PDB file of all heavy atoms in Angstrom:
ATOM      1  N   ALA A   1      -6.581   6.207   1.472  1.00  0.00           N
ATOM      2  CA  ALA A   1      -5.522   6.296   0.462  1.00  0.00           C
ATOM      3  C   ALA A   1      -4.273   6.976   1.021  1.00  0.00           C
ATOM      4  O   ALA A   1      -3.152   6.507   0.772  1.00  0.00           O
ATOM      5  CB  ALA A   1      -6.041   7.026  -0.780  1.00  0.00           C
ATOM      6  N   PRO A   2      -4.381   8.083   1.799  1.00  0.00           N
ATOM      7  CA  PRO A   2      -3.171   8.685   2.372  1.00  0.00           C
ATOM      8  C   PRO A   2      -2.417   7.740   3.303  1.00  0.00           C
ATOM      9  O   PRO A   2      -1.182   7.710   3.305  1.00  0.00           O
ATOM     10  CB  PRO A   2      -3.704   9.907   3.127  1.00  0.00           C
ATOM     11  CG  PRO A   2      -4.964  10.264   2.417  1.00  0.00           C
ATOM     12  CD  PRO A   2      -5.565   8.956   2.009  1.00  0.00           C
ATOM     13  N   HIS A   3      -3.143   6.948   4.091  1.00  0.00           N
ATOM     14  CA  HIS A   3      -2.473   5.997   4.982  1.00  0.00           C
ATOM     15  C   HIS A   3      -1.792   4.884   4.190  1.00  0.00           C
ATOM     16  O   HIS A   3      -0.676   4.463   4.534  1.00  0.00           O
ATOM     17  CB  HIS A   3      -3.477   5.400   5.971  1.00  0.00           C
ATOM     18  CG  HIS A   3      -3.809   6.312   7.107  1.00  0.00           C
ATOM     19  ND1 HIS A   3      -5.094   6.445   7.602  1.00  0.00           N
ATOM     20  CD2 HIS A   3      -3.044   7.161   7.848  1.00  0.00           C
ATOM     21  CE1 HIS A   3      -5.088   7.316   8.598  1.00  0.00           C
ATOM     22  NE2 HIS A   3      -3.858   7.774   8.760  1.00  0.00           N
ATOM     23  N   LEU A   4      -2.442   4.406   3.139  1.00  0.00           N
ATOM     24  CA  LEU A   4      -1.825   3.360   2.321  1.00  0.00           C
ATOM     25  C   LEU A   4      -0.603   3.904   1.589  1.00  0.00           C
ATOM     26  O   LEU A   4       0.408   3.201   1.440  1.00  0.00           O
ATOM     27  CB  LEU A   4      -2.843   2.795   1.327  1.00  0.00           C
ATOM     28  CG  LEU A   4      -4.006   2.004   1.955  1.00  0.00           C
ATOM     29  CD1 LEU A   4      -4.938   1.494   0.869  1.00  0.00           C
ATOM     30  CD2 LEU A   4      -3.489   0.839   2.789  1.00  0.00           C
ATOM     31  N   ARG A   5      -0.694   5.145   1.152  1.00  0.00           N
ATOM     32  CA  ARG A   5       0.472   5.764   0.493  1.00  0.00           C
ATOM     33  C   ARG A   5       1.632   5.892   1.482  1.00  0.00           C
ATOM     34  O   ARG A   5       2.801   5.631   1.138  1.00  0.00           O
ATOM     35  CB  ARG A   5       0.075   7.147  -0.042  1.00  0.00           C
ATOM     36  CG  ARG A   5       1.249   7.975  -0.578  1.00  0.00           C
ATOM     37  CD  ARG A   5       1.866   7.343  -1.818  1.00  0.00           C
ATOM     38  NE  ARG A   5       3.027   8.098  -2.285  1.00  0.00           N
ATOM     39  CZ  ARG A   5       4.273   7.899  -1.847  1.00  0.00           C
ATOM     40  NH1 ARG A   5       4.508   6.970  -0.923  1.00  0.00           N
ATOM     41  NH2 ARG A   5       5.267   8.615  -2.336  1.00  0.00           N
ATOM     42  N   ALA A   6       1.314   6.267   2.712  1.00  0.00           N
ATOM     43  CA  ALA A   6       2.351   6.386   3.735  1.00  0.00           C
ATOM     44  C   ALA A   6       2.944   5.026   4.079  1.00  0.00           C
ATOM     45  O   ALA A   6       4.160   4.890   4.285  1.00  0.00           O
ATOM     46  CB  ALA A   6       1.771   7.046   4.986  1.00  0.00           C
ATOM     47  N   LEU A   7       2.091   3.988   4.118  1.00  0.00           N
ATOM     48  CA  LEU A   7       2.586   2.632   4.395  1.00  0.00           C
ATOM     49  C   LEU A   7       3.510   2.159   3.281  1.00  0.00           C
ATOM     50  O   LEU A   7       4.549   1.532   3.538  1.00  0.00           O
ATOM     51  CB  LEU A   7       1.407   1.675   4.560  1.00  0.00           C
ATOM     52  CG  LEU A   7       1.755   0.225   4.922  1.00  0.00           C
ATOM     53  CD1 LEU A   7       2.497   0.153   6.249  1.00  0.00           C
ATOM     54  CD2 LEU A   7       0.480  -0.624   4.982  1.00  0.00           C
ATOM     55  N   ALA A   8       3.146   2.479   2.036  1.00  0.00           N
ATOM     56  CA  ALA A   8       4.001   2.114   0.904  1.00  0.00           C
ATOM     57  C   ALA A   8       5.367   2.792   1.030  1.00  0.00           C
ATOM     58  O   ALA A   8       6.410   2.168   0.779  1.00  0.00           O
ATOM     59  CB  ALA A   8       3.325   2.512  -0.412  1.00  0.00           C
ATOM     60  N   GLU A   9       5.356   4.041   1.427  1.00  0.00           N
ATOM     61  CA  GLU A   9       6.621   4.765   1.608  1.00  0.00           C
ATOM     62  C   GLU A   9       7.445   4.153   2.730  1.00  0.00           C
ATOM     63  O   GLU A   9       8.659   3.955   2.595  1.00  0.00           O
ATOM     64  CB  GLU A   9       6.319   6.239   1.926  1.00  0.00           C
ATOM     65  CG  GLU A   9       7.539   7.115   2.076  1.00  0.00           C
ATOM     66  CD  GLU A   9       8.215   7.416   0.745  1.00  0.00           C
ATOM     67  OE1 GLU A   9       7.549   7.276  -0.303  1.00  0.00           O
ATOM     68  OE2 GLU A   9       9.405   7.793   0.761  1.00  0.00           O
ATOM     69  N   GLU A  10       6.778   3.840   3.826  1.00  0.00           N
ATOM     70  CA  GLU A  10       7.473   3.315   4.992  1.00  0.00           C
ATOM     71  C   GLU A  10       8.087   1.937   4.719  1.00  0.00           C
ATOM     72  O   GLU A  10       9.152   1.610   5.229  1.00  0.00           O
ATOM     73  CB  GLU A  10       6.496   3.236   6.170  1.00  0.00           C
ATOM     74  CG  GLU A  10       7.135   3.010   7.515  1.00  0.00           C
ATOM     75  CD  GLU A  10       7.990   4.175   7.979  1.00  0.00           C
ATOM     76  OE1 GLU A  10       7.889   5.282   7.409  1.00  0.00           O
ATOM     77  OE2 GLU A  10       8.772   3.965   8.917  1.00  0.00           O
ATOM     78  N   MET A  11       7.398   1.126   3.909  1.00  0.00           N
ATOM     79  CA  MET A  11       7.876  -0.226   3.630  1.00  0.00           C
ATOM     80  C   MET A  11       8.667  -0.319   2.332  1.00  0.00           C
ATOM     81  O   MET A  11       9.104  -1.401   1.947  1.00  0.00           O
ATOM     82  CB  MET A  11       6.690  -1.193   3.588  1.00  0.00           C
ATOM     83  CG  MET A  11       5.926  -1.281   4.905  1.00  0.00           C
ATOM     84  SD  MET A  11       4.694  -2.582   4.913  1.00  0.00           S
ATOM     85  CE  MET A  11       5.739  -4.035   4.945  1.00  0.00           C
ATOM     86  N   ARG A  12       8.812   0.804   1.656  1.00  0.00           N
ATOM     87  CA  ARG A  12       9.532   0.852   0.367  1.00  0.00           C
ATOM     88  C   ARG A  12       8.915  -0.120  -0.631  1.00  0.00           C
ATOM     89  O   ARG A  12       9.594  -0.912  -1.295  1.00  0.00           O
ATOM     90  CB  ARG A  12      11.024   0.547   0.560  1.00  0.00           C
ATOM     91  CG  ARG A  12      11.711   1.375   1.638  1.00  0.00           C
ATOM     92  CD  ARG A  12      11.463   2.865   1.490  1.00  0.00           C
ATOM     93  NE  ARG A  12      11.979   3.402   0.242  1.00  0.00           N
ATOM     94  CZ  ARG A  12      11.670   4.590  -0.259  1.00  0.00           C
ATOM     95  NH1 ARG A  12      10.808   5.374   0.390  1.00  0.00           N
ATOM     96  NH2 ARG A  12      12.183   4.996  -1.398  1.00  0.00           N
ATOM     97  N   MET A  13       7.587  -0.073  -0.715  1.00  0.00           N
ATOM     98  CA  MET A  13       6.831  -0.905  -1.647  1.00  0.00           C
ATOM     99  C   MET A  13       6.022  -0.006  -2.554  1.00  0.00           C
ATOM    100  O   MET A  13       5.754   1.155  -2.232  1.00  0.00           O
ATOM    101  CB  MET A  13       5.897  -1.858  -0.892  1.00  0.00           C
ATOM    102  CG  MET A  13       6.583  -2.937  -0.081  1.00  0.00           C
ATOM    103  SD  MET A  13       5.401  -3.885   0.915  1.00  0.00           S
ATOM    104  CE  MET A  13       4.322  -4.546  -0.366  1.00  0.00           C
ATOM    105  N   SER A  14       5.603  -0.566  -3.680  1.00  0.00           N
ATOM    106  CA  SER A  14       4.756   0.207  -4.585  1.00  0.00           C
ATOM    107  C   SER A  14       3.334   0.272  -4.039  1.00  0.00           C
ATOM    108  O   SER A  14       2.876  -0.630  -3.335  1.00  0.00           O
ATOM    109  CB  SER A  14       4.734  -0.431  -5.976  1.00  0.00           C
ATOM    110  OG  SER A  14       3.996  -1.642  -5.966  1.00  0.00           O
ATOM    111  N   MET A  15       2.645   1.337  -4.396  1.00  0.00           N
ATOM    112  CA  MET A  15       1.251   1.484  -3.992  1.00  0.00           C
ATOM    113  C   MET A  15       0.408   0.352  -4.577  1.00  0.00           C
ATOM    114  O   MET A  15      -0.553  -0.119  -3.959  1.00  0.00           O
ATOM    115  CB  MET A  15       0.720   2.842  -4.465  1.00  0.00           C
ATOM    116  CG  MET A  15      -0.669   3.190  -3.981  1.00  0.00           C
ATOM    117  SD  MET A  15      -0.727   3.471  -2.198  1.00  0.00           S
ATOM    118  CE  MET A  15      -2.438   3.949  -2.001  1.00  0.00           C
ATOM    119  N   ALA A  16       0.769  -0.103  -5.761  1.00  0.00           N
ATOM    120  CA  ALA A  16       0.016  -1.187  -6.400  1.00  0.00           C
ATOM    121  C   ALA A  16       0.074  -2.463  -5.567  1.00  0.00           C
ATOM    122  O   ALA A  16      -0.933  -3.167  -5.402  1.00  0.00           O
ATOM    123  CB  ALA A  16       0.557  -1.448  -7.805  1.00  0.00           C
ATOM    124  N   GLU A  17       1.240  -2.785  -5.020  1.00  0.00           N
ATOM    125  CA  GLU A  17       1.377  -3.981  -4.187  1.00  0.00           C
ATOM    126  C   GLU A  17       0.530  -3.869  -2.924  1.00  0.00           C
ATOM    127  O   GLU A  17      -0.146  -4.821  -2.519  1.00  0.00           O
ATOM    128  CB  GLU A  17       2.840  -4.182  -3.796  1.00  0.00           C
ATOM    129  CG  GLU A  17       3.752  -4.654  -4.901  1.00  0.00           C
ATOM    130  CD  GLU A  17       5.179  -4.804  -4.400  1.00  0.00           C
ATOM    131  OE1 GLU A  17       5.878  -3.770  -4.273  1.00  0.00           O
ATOM    132  OE2 GLU A  17       5.593  -5.953  -4.120  1.00  0.00           O
ATOM    133  N   ILE A  18       0.571  -2.692  -2.295  1.00  0.00           N
ATOM    134  CA  ILE A  18      -0.217  -2.468  -1.086  1.00  0.00           C
ATOM    135  C   ILE A  18      -1.708  -2.604  -1.399  1.00  0.00           C
ATOM    136  O   ILE A  18      -2.458  -3.265  -0.676  1.00  0.00           O
ATOM    137  CB  ILE A  18       0.058  -1.067  -0.504  1.00  0.00           C
ATOM    138  CG1 ILE A  18       1.543  -0.882  -0.186  1.00  0.00           C
ATOM    139  CG2 ILE A  18      -0.826  -0.805   0.708  1.00  0.00           C
ATOM    140  CD1 ILE A  18       2.028  -1.524   1.068  1.00  0.00           C
ATOM    141  N   TRP A  19      -2.116  -1.979  -2.487  1.00  0.00           N
ATOM    142  CA  TRP A  19      -3.545  -1.945  -2.839  1.00  0.00           C
ATOM    143  C   TRP A  19      -4.072  -3.333  -3.188  1.00  0.00           C
ATOM    144  O   TRP A  19      -5.181  -3.694  -2.799  1.00  0.00           O
ATOM    145  CB  TRP A  19      -3.767  -0.978  -3.998  1.00  0.00           C
ATOM    146  CG  TRP A  19      -5.212  -0.711  -4.280  1.00  0.00           C
ATOM    147  CD1 TRP A  19      -5.994  -1.300  -5.222  1.00  0.00           C
ATOM    148  CD2 TRP A  19      -6.068   0.210  -3.592  1.00  0.00           C
ATOM    149  NE1 TRP A  19      -7.270  -0.808  -5.165  1.00  0.00           N
ATOM    150  CE2 TRP A  19      -7.349   0.121  -4.176  1.00  0.00           C
ATOM    151  CE3 TRP A  19      -5.873   1.109  -2.541  1.00  0.00           C
ATOM    152  CZ2 TRP A  19      -8.417   0.886  -3.743  1.00  0.00           C
ATOM    153  CZ3 TRP A  19      -6.948   1.873  -2.111  1.00  0.00           C
ATOM    154  CH2 TRP A  19      -8.207   1.751  -2.716  1.00  0.00           C
ATOM    155  N   GLU A  20      -3.282  -4.139  -3.898  1.00  0.00           N
ATOM    156  CA  GLU A  20      -3.790  -5.457  -4.309  1.00  0.00           C
ATOM    157  C   GLU A  20      -3.982  -6.360  -3.089  1.00  0.00           C
ATOM    158  O   GLU A  20      -4.914  -7.176  -3.058  1.00  0.00           O
ATOM    159  CB  GLU A  20      -2.864  -6.119  -5.319  1.00  0.00           C
ATOM    160  CG  GLU A  20      -1.560  -6.653  -4.790  1.00  0.00           C
ATOM    161  CD  GLU A  20      -0.779  -7.437  -5.837  1.00  0.00           C
ATOM    162  OE1 GLU A  20      -1.154  -7.377  -7.026  1.00  0.00           O
ATOM    163  OE2 GLU A  20       0.204  -8.107  -5.461  1.00  0.00           O
ATOM    164  N   VAL A  21      -3.139  -6.219  -2.074  1.00  0.00           N
ATOM    165  CA  VAL A  21      -3.316  -7.015  -0.859  1.00  0.00           C
ATOM    166  C   VAL A  21      -4.504  -6.496  -0.053  1.00  0.00           C
ATOM    167  O   VAL A  21      -5.337  -7.270   0.434  1.00  0.00           O
ATOM    168  CB  VAL A  21      -2.031  -7.003  -0.009  1.00  0.00           C
ATOM    169  CG1 VAL A  21      -2.263  -7.689   1.336  1.00  0.00           C
ATOM    170  CG2 VAL A  21      -0.894  -7.700  -0.753  1.00  0.00           C
ATOM    171  N   ALA A  22      -4.611  -5.187   0.072  1.00  0.00           N
ATOM    172  CA  ALA A  22      -5.690  -4.593   0.859  1.00  0.00           C
ATOM    173  C   ALA A  22      -7.063  -4.925   0.286  1.00  0.00           C
ATOM    174  O   ALA A  22      -8.042  -5.064   1.033  1.00  0.00           O
ATOM    175  CB  ALA A  22      -5.510  -3.083   0.946  1.00  0.00           C
ATOM    176  N   THR A  23      -7.163  -5.046  -1.034  1.00  0.00           N
ATOM    177  CA  THR A  23      -8.457  -5.322  -1.664  1.00  0.00           C
ATOM    178  C   THR A  23      -8.757  -6.809  -1.775  1.00  0.00           C
ATOM    179  O   THR A  23      -9.875  -7.191  -2.137  1.00  0.00           O
ATOM    180  CB  THR A  23      -8.519  -4.694  -3.065  1.00  0.00           C
ATOM    181  OG1 THR A  23      -7.393  -5.138  -3.840  1.00  0.00           O
ATOM    182  CG2 THR A  23      -8.507  -3.186  -2.983  1.00  0.00           C
ATOM    183  N   PHE A  24      -7.788  -7.662  -1.462  1.00  0.00           N
ATOM    184  CA  PHE A  24      -8.002  -9.114  -1.574  1.00  0.00           C
ATOM    185  C   PHE A  24      -8.799  -9.654  -0.392  1.00  0.00           C
ATOM    186  O   PHE A  24      -9.614 -10.559  -0.539  1.00  0.00           O
ATOM    187  CB  PHE A  24      -6.650  -9.833  -1.656  1.00  0.00           C
ATOM    188  CG  PHE A  24      -6.750 -11.324  -1.835  1.00  0.00           C
ATOM    189  CD1 PHE A  24      -6.864 -11.874  -3.102  1.00  0.00           C
ATOM    190  CD2 PHE A  24      -6.744 -12.171  -0.737  1.00  0.00           C
ATOM    191  CE1 PHE A  24      -6.967 -13.252  -3.266  1.00  0.00           C
ATOM    192  CE2 PHE A  24      -6.847 -13.549  -0.895  1.00  0.00           C
ATOM    193  CZ  PHE A  24      -6.953 -14.087  -2.165  1.00  0.00           C
ATOM    194  N   TYR A  25      -8.578  -9.081   0.787  1.00  0.00           N
ATOM    195  CA  TYR A  25      -9.136  -9.643   2.022  1.00  0.00           C
ATOM    196  C   TYR A  25     -10.401  -8.904   2.449  1.00  0.00           C
ATOM    197  O   TYR A  25     -10.458  -7.686   2.428  1.00  0.00           O
ATOM    198  CB  TYR A  25      -8.089  -9.574   3.137  1.00  0.00           C
ATOM    199  CG  TYR A  25      -6.876 -10.439   2.856  1.00  0.00           C
ATOM    200  CD1 TYR A  25      -5.738  -9.907   2.244  1.00  0.00           C
ATOM    201  CD2 TYR A  25      -6.870 -11.789   3.178  1.00  0.00           C
ATOM    202  CE1 TYR A  25      -4.634 -10.697   1.975  1.00  0.00           C
ATOM    203  CE2 TYR A  25      -5.769 -12.587   2.909  1.00  0.00           C
ATOM    204  CZ  TYR A  25      -4.649 -12.041   2.308  1.00  0.00           C
ATOM    205  OH  TYR A  25      -3.562 -12.825   2.036  1.00  0.00           O
TER     206      TYR A  25
END
């Protein structure tokens, strides 16, 4: 979760967008 939160910050995306892609594959 900390890495995904950092990725969201780095890409200026919402955590929800990151999480939905990460859980799809």
